[in-house]
């Protein structure tokens, strides 16, 4: 009788464990099937935020000059293959397809630590007027759009704290002329350029 009860309890435990495993696997499958890579694509909100920030905070109007990027606000991402990787601290999200005009979208995210002394100089005399210690992290996102038609490559560099920094259209750079800029951001951008080249080979 004791052996029978032990066997019965063991069978019940095994059945319970099997049901639990089936439940976990089924839940993971549902989670994976419900995951949509296009939900990670945030260029529309970033673009509109930057336009509003420049106008509200600085009175800068970039609508005409950056309107070319409007074509990337809602791309047909369901037709693209998504991948995600991290290279030397830079996260690279990619959407790629082999037909159509827009062939590839990449979003590169990087945090740039700065610990330096920034010298402020007088524009007329060139003399150093102040030295400011800067220590902290600067966060950037770089959006790279590759097309078959011209212009072939459009790049948009932005910061969640400082907004649009500049953009490039087939290597030609443009951007807002701000009345005030964050101290240390020029040094951070220079380091960002080096990091992006090392991680992706893309020149910004």
Protein backbone atom coordinates (compact mmCIF):
# COMPACT_ATOMS: atom_id res chain seq x y z
CA UNK A 1 0.00 0.00 0.00
CA UNK A 2 2.83 2.38 0.90
CA UNK A 3 4.60 1.70 -2.39
CA UNK A 4 1.38 2.33 -4.34
CA UNK A 5 0.79 5.67 -2.61
CA UNK A 6 4.38 6.75 -3.20
CA UNK A 7 4.11 5.85 -6.88
CA UNK A 8 0.79 7.71 -7.18
CA UNK A 9 2.23 10.82 -5.57
CA UNK A 10 5.27 10.63 -7.86
CA UNK A 11 3.02 10.36 -10.91
CA UNK A 12 1.00 13.35 -9.73
CA UNK A 13 4.17 15.37 -9.20
CA UNK A 14 5.48 14.45 -12.64
CA UNK A 15 2.16 15.34 -14.25
CA UNK A 16 2.12 18.65 -12.40
CA UNK A 17 5.67 19.44 -13.46
CA UNK A 18 4.85 18.54 -17.06
CA UNK A 19 1.81 20.81 -17.03
CA UNK A 20 3.94 23.61 -15.59
CA UNK A 21 6.57 23.18 -18.32
CA UNK A 22 3.90 23.17 -21.01
CA UNK A 23 2.38 26.33 -19.51
CA UNK A 24 5.78 28.10 -19.44
CA UNK A 25 6.60 27.12 -23.03
CA UNK A 26 3.15 28.15 -24.23
CA UNK A 27 3.48 31.51 -22.43
CA UNK A 28 6.88 32.14 -24.03
CA UNK A 29 5.52 31.32 -27.47
CA UNK A 30 2.67 33.79 -26.97
CA UNK A 31 5.14 36.43 -25.78
CA UNK A 32 7.43 35.89 -28.76
CA UNK A 33 4.58 35.93 -31.24
CA UNK A 34 3.22 39.16 -29.77
CA UNK A 35 6.62 40.91 -29.91
CA UNK A 36 6.70 43.45 -32.70
CA UNK A 37 10.12 44.91 -33.61
CA UNK A 38 8.41 47.93 -35.14
CA UNK A 39 7.34 48.93 -31.62
CA UNK A 40 11.04 49.68 -30.99
CA UNK A 41 11.15 52.15 -33.87
CA UNK A 42 10.78 55.59 -32.25
CA UNK A 43 11.97 57.99 -34.96
CA UNK A 44 8.58 59.65 -35.39
CA UNK A 45 8.30 60.68 -31.73
CA UNK A 46 11.97 61.73 -31.59
CA UNK A 47 11.69 63.81 -34.77
CA UNK A 48 8.56 65.64 -33.60
CA UNK A 49 10.06 66.15 -30.14
CA UNK A 50 13.20 67.71 -31.63
CA UNK A 51 11.25 70.10 -33.83
CA UNK A 52 9.16 71.22 -30.87
CA UNK A 53 12.22 71.59 -28.62
CA UNK A 54 14.10 73.74 -31.12
CA UNK A 55 11.14 76.02 -31.67
CA UNK A 56 10.05 76.29 -28.03
CA UNK A 57 13.44 76.52 -26.33
CA UNK A 58 15.51 78.29 -28.95
CA UNK A 59 13.14 79.81 -31.50
CA UNK A 60 14.92 77.77 -34.16
CA UNK A 61 12.90 76.70 -37.19
CA UNK A 62 14.25 73.61 -38.97
CA UNK A 63 11.03 72.47 -40.61
CA UNK A 64 12.13 73.14 -44.19
CA UNK A 65 15.62 71.74 -43.77
CA UNK A 66 14.71 68.51 -41.98
CA UNK A 67 11.45 67.79 -43.78
CA UNK A 68 13.29 65.28 -45.96
CA UNK A 69 13.31 62.99 -42.90
CA UNK A 70 9.51 62.93 -42.79
CA UNK A 71 9.59 60.03 -45.27
CA UNK A 72 10.96 57.87 -42.45
CA UNK A 73 8.29 58.62 -39.82
CA UNK A 74 6.21 55.51 -40.60
CA UNK A 75 8.17 53.12 -42.86
CA UNK A 76 6.61 49.70 -43.72
CA UNK A 77 8.63 47.83 -41.10
CA UNK A 78 6.63 44.60 -41.46
CA UNK A 79 8.51 44.10 -44.75
CA UNK A 80 11.93 44.35 -43.06
CA UNK A 81 14.02 41.80 -41.16
CA UNK A 82 14.94 43.00 -37.67
CA UNK A 83 18.16 42.34 -35.75
CA UNK A 84 19.78 43.73 -32.63
CA UNK A 85 23.39 43.60 -31.48
CA UNK A 86 25.85 45.44 -29.24
CA UNK A 87 29.34 46.30 -30.44
CA UNK A 88 31.85 47.87 -28.04
CA UNK A 89 29.11 49.44 -25.94
CA UNK A 90 27.08 50.75 -28.88
CA UNK A 91 23.68 49.13 -29.42
CA UNK A 92 22.73 48.72 -33.08
CA UNK A 93 19.18 47.95 -34.15
CA UNK A 94 18.74 47.12 -37.83
CA UNK A 95 15.79 46.76 -40.18
CA UNK A 96 16.85 45.33 -43.57
CA UNK A 97 15.11 44.26 -46.77
CA UNK A 98 16.31 43.38 -50.26
CA UNK A 99 13.73 45.20 -52.36
CA UNK A 100 12.03 48.58 -52.45
CA UNK A 101 13.66 52.01 -52.28
CA UNK A 102 14.38 52.13 -48.55
CA UNK A 103 16.68 49.15 -47.93
CA UNK A 104 18.07 49.61 -44.44
CA UNK A 105 17.39 51.49 -41.22
CA UNK A 106 19.81 51.46 -38.32
CA UNK A 107 19.48 53.01 -34.89
CA UNK A 108 22.73 53.29 -32.96
CA UNK A 109 22.55 54.14 -29.26
CA UNK A 110 25.65 55.15 -27.35
CA UNK A 111 26.50 56.67 -23.98
CA UNK A 112 29.62 58.83 -24.04
CA UNK A 113 31.38 59.54 -20.73
CA UNK A 114 33.14 62.91 -20.49
CA UNK A 115 35.65 63.97 -17.86
CA UNK A 116 37.57 67.00 -19.05
CA UNK A 117 38.16 70.73 -18.75
CA UNK A 118 36.38 72.79 -21.41
CA UNK A 119 38.01 76.06 -22.36
CA UNK A 120 35.78 78.94 -23.42
CA UNK A 121 37.39 81.42 -25.80
CA UNK A 122 36.52 84.91 -26.91
CA UNK A 123 35.48 84.85 -30.58
CA UNK A 124 37.17 88.16 -31.41
CA UNK A 125 40.44 87.79 -29.52
CA UNK A 126 40.77 84.02 -29.38
CA UNK A 127 41.78 84.24 -25.72
CA UNK A 128 40.59 81.71 -23.16
CA UNK A 129 38.01 83.42 -20.95
CA UNK A 130 37.02 80.53 -18.72
CA UNK A 131 37.79 76.89 -17.93
CA UNK A 132 34.86 74.69 -16.92
CA UNK A 133 35.22 71.15 -15.54
CA UNK A 134 32.78 68.75 -17.21
CA UNK A 135 32.11 65.26 -15.91
CA UNK A 136 29.14 63.10 -16.82
CA UNK A 137 27.47 60.96 -19.47
CA UNK A 138 26.05 62.17 -22.77
CA UNK A 139 23.44 59.96 -24.46
CA UNK A 140 23.00 59.91 -28.22
CA UNK A 141 20.93 58.20 -30.89
CA UNK A 142 22.07 57.99 -34.49
CA UNK A 143 19.48 57.12 -37.15
CA UNK A 144 20.90 55.89 -40.45
CA UNK A 145 18.66 55.48 -43.49
CA UNK A 146 19.99 53.81 -46.65
CA UNK A 147 18.08 54.11 -49.93
CA UNK A 148 18.44 53.06 -53.54
CA UNK A 149 17.43 56.46 -54.87
CA UNK A 150 19.22 59.75 -54.24
CA UNK A 151 20.03 60.86 -51.63
CA UNK A 152 21.34 57.42 -50.76
CA UNK A 153 22.25 57.85 -47.10
CA UNK A 154 20.59 60.16 -44.58
CA UNK A 155 21.83 60.33 -40.98
CA UNK A 156 20.13 62.02 -38.04
CA UNK A 157 22.05 62.56 -34.77
CA UNK A 158 20.08 63.49 -31.67
CA UNK A 159 20.28 63.55 -27.88
CA UNK A 160 17.35 63.01 -25.50
CA UNK A 161 18.56 65.95 -23.40
CA UNK A 162 19.82 68.35 -26.08
CA UNK A 163 17.69 67.49 -29.11
CA UNK A 164 18.89 67.42 -32.71
CA UNK A 165 22.65 67.92 -32.97
CA UNK A 166 23.07 67.76 -36.72
CA UNK A 167 22.22 65.62 -39.74
CA UNK A 168 23.97 64.47 -42.89
CA UNK A 169 22.59 63.95 -46.39
CA UNK A 170 25.03 61.92 -48.49
CA UNK A 171 27.87 63.16 -46.30
CA UNK A 172 26.91 66.84 -46.32
CA UNK A 173 26.19 68.06 -42.78
CA UNK A 174 23.64 70.60 -41.59
CA UNK A 175 21.99 71.42 -38.30
CA UNK A 176 20.53 74.05 -35.99
CA UNK A 177 22.49 77.10 -34.88
CA UNK A 178 21.59 77.37 -31.22
CA UNK A 179 22.01 80.38 -28.98
CA UNK A 180 23.03 78.10 -26.10
CA UNK A 181 24.69 74.69 -26.19
CA UNK A 182 25.50 72.25 -23.41
CA UNK A 183 29.06 72.58 -22.19
CA UNK A 184 31.01 69.49 -23.15
CA UNK A 185 28.70 68.32 -25.90
CA UNK A 186 31.20 69.13 -28.66
CA UNK A 187 33.75 66.89 -26.96
CA UNK A 188 31.10 64.20 -26.53
CA UNK A 189 30.14 64.37 -30.21
CA UNK A 190 33.76 63.98 -31.25
CA UNK A 191 34.04 60.82 -29.14
CA UNK A 192 30.68 59.63 -30.52
CA UNK A 193 31.99 59.89 -34.09
CA UNK A 194 34.91 57.64 -33.21
CA UNK A 195 32.68 55.15 -31.40
CA UNK A 196 30.21 54.92 -34.28
CA UNK A 197 33.00 54.34 -36.80
CA UNK A 198 34.50 51.57 -34.65
CA UNK A 199 31.14 49.89 -34.06
CA UNK A 200 29.62 50.15 -37.54
CA UNK A 201 32.06 51.72 -40.01
CA UNK A 202 29.61 54.59 -40.52
CA UNK A 203 31.13 58.06 -40.71
CA UNK A 204 29.07 60.72 -38.99
